[in-house]
Amino acid sequence: MMTKEDFEEILDSLKITVAEGINKDEKTWLFPRIVYWEIFWDFLQASSKSYNCVVTYQISFFSKEPRNEKLLELIKKLLDHGIVANVNHEYIQDEKYFHSYFSIDLLENVLV
């Protein structure tokens, strides 16, 4: 399973705007961009009574065109790491952009 650190390295390699949690207001209209946040924790007890956690994140990708090259690059890099993302898409008519989103499970220790 991929760690959060490994995932963040992939995001950094895309060379686009990325925010964990909430975008800063001045970055809300930059395209393409990624915003991701935790949506679920699944604690795993190790033999040493310490805990790791599988954290599920929602990944939201915003772009002005469908099948943006950076989205495809992200998906390919995830596939190279054995992660298959089932990507949903919607078009936001009022603001004229595409929102593609999926979830990913990452291993991390949230109690440190």
Protein backbone atom coordinates (compact mmCIF):
# COMPACT_ATOMS: atom_id res chain seq x y z
CA MET A 1 0.00 0.00 0.00
CA MET A 2 1.24 3.49 -0.79
CA THR A 3 2.17 5.87 2.00
CA LYS A 4 0.99 9.44 2.14
CA GLU A 5 4.59 10.59 1.63
CA ASP A 6 4.88 8.56 -1.59
CA PHE A 7 1.58 9.99 -2.83
CA GLU A 8 2.69 13.55 -2.06
CA GLU A 9 5.87 12.94 -4.10
CA ILE A 10 3.69 11.97 -7.07
CA LEU A 11 1.58 15.11 -6.62
CA ASP A 12 4.73 17.27 -6.44
CA SER A 13 6.03 15.71 -9.65
CA LEU A 14 2.98 17.00 -11.55
CA LYS A 15 4.15 20.62 -11.11
CA ILE A 16 0.62 22.00 -10.66
CA THR A 17 -1.20 23.70 -7.77
CA VAL A 18 -1.99 21.20 -4.99
CA ALA A 19 -3.72 21.85 -1.66
CA GLU A 20 -4.46 19.51 1.19
CA GLY A 21 -7.76 20.47 2.77
CA ILE A 22 -8.93 23.84 1.49
CA ASN A 23 -7.57 25.99 -1.33
CA LYS A 24 -6.40 29.46 -0.50
CA ASP A 25 -8.80 31.95 -2.08
CA GLU A 26 -6.22 33.23 -4.57
CA LYS A 27 -5.73 29.68 -5.91
CA THR A 28 -9.41 28.79 -6.33
CA TRP A 29 -9.42 29.70 -10.02
CA LEU A 30 -6.07 28.20 -11.04
CA PHE A 31 -6.34 25.32 -13.50
CA PRO A 32 -5.39 22.57 -13.42
CA ARG A 33 -5.26 22.05 -9.68
CA ILE A 34 -5.73 19.32 -7.12
CA VAL A 35 -7.38 19.50 -3.71
CA TYR A 36 -7.37 16.45 -1.45
CA TRP A 37 -8.62 15.68 2.06
CA GLU A 38 -9.21 12.77 4.43
CA ILE A 39 -12.64 11.21 4.44
CA PHE A 40 -12.16 8.00 6.49
CA TRP A 41 -9.73 6.43 9.00
CA ASP A 42 -9.41 2.65 9.38
CA PHE A 43 -7.05 1.82 12.27
CA LEU A 44 -4.85 -1.26 12.03
CA GLN A 45 -3.30 -2.64 15.21
CA ALA A 46 0.27 -3.86 14.86
CA SER A 47 1.81 -6.55 17.07
CA SER A 48 3.64 -3.89 19.11
CA LYS A 49 0.31 -2.34 20.17
CA SER A 50 1.10 0.65 17.98
CA TYR A 51 -1.35 1.69 15.32
CA ASN A 52 -1.09 2.47 11.68
CA CYS A 53 -4.05 3.71 9.80
CA VAL A 54 -5.44 3.31 6.31
CA VAL A 55 -6.63 6.81 5.52
CA THR A 56 -9.02 7.26 2.63
CA TYR A 57 -8.62 10.56 0.79
CA GLN A 58 -10.82 12.20 -1.78
CA ILE A 59 -8.75 13.57 -4.64
CA SER A 60 -10.41 16.37 -6.63
CA PHE A 61 -8.86 17.47 -9.90
CA PHE A 62 -10.10 20.70 -11.50
CA SER A 63 -9.40 21.62 -15.13
CA LYS A 64 -10.76 23.60 -18.05
CA GLU A 65 -10.84 20.59 -20.38
CA PRO A 66 -11.80 16.93 -20.07
CA ARG A 67 -8.97 14.39 -19.97
CA ASN A 68 -6.45 17.00 -18.94
CA GLU A 69 -2.89 15.80 -19.57
CA LYS A 70 -1.95 16.26 -15.88
CA LEU A 71 -4.92 14.15 -14.77
CA LEU A 72 -3.84 11.42 -17.19
CA GLU A 73 -0.26 11.72 -15.92
CA LEU A 74 -1.48 11.33 -12.32
CA ILE A 75 -3.55 8.27 -13.18
CA LYS A 76 -0.61 6.69 -15.04
CA LYS A 77 1.73 7.28 -12.10
CA LEU A 78 -0.79 5.70 -9.73
CA LEU A 79 -1.15 2.71 -12.07
CA ASP A 80 2.65 2.37 -12.11
CA HIS A 81 2.40 1.97 -8.31
CA GLY A 82 -0.37 -0.63 -8.61
CA ILE A 83 -3.19 1.74 -7.67
CA VAL A 84 -6.28 1.72 -9.88
CA ALA A 85 -8.35 4.87 -9.45
CA ASN A 86 -11.98 4.81 -10.51
CA VAL A 87 -12.45 8.39 -11.62
CA ASN A 88 -15.78 10.23 -11.63
CA HIS A 89 -16.30 13.35 -13.73
CA GLU A 90 -18.69 16.26 -13.73
CA TYR A 91 -18.89 19.51 -15.63
CA ILE A 92 -19.61 22.62 -13.56
CA GLN A 93 -21.69 24.62 -16.03
CA ASP A 94 -21.88 27.91 -14.11
CA GLU A 95 -18.11 28.24 -13.76
CA LYS A 96 -17.16 26.34 -16.94
CA TYR A 97 -14.72 23.76 -15.56
CA PHE A 98 -14.42 20.00 -15.15
CA HIS A 99 -14.22 18.29 -11.78
CA SER A 100 -12.74 14.80 -11.77
CA TYR A 101 -12.57 12.98 -8.47
CA PHE A 102 -11.68 9.64 -6.92
CA SER A 103 -10.67 8.16 -3.59
CA ILE A 104 -7.36 6.58 -2.65
CA ASP A 105 -6.28 4.61 0.44
CA LEU A 106 -2.94 5.59 1.96
CA LEU A 107 -1.03 4.14 4.87
CA GLU A 108 -0.03 6.57 7.61
CA ASN A 109 0.27 6.91 11.36
CA VAL A 110 -2.22 9.56 12.38
CA LEU A 111 -1.54 9.23 16.12
CA VAL A 112 2.10 10.39 16.08
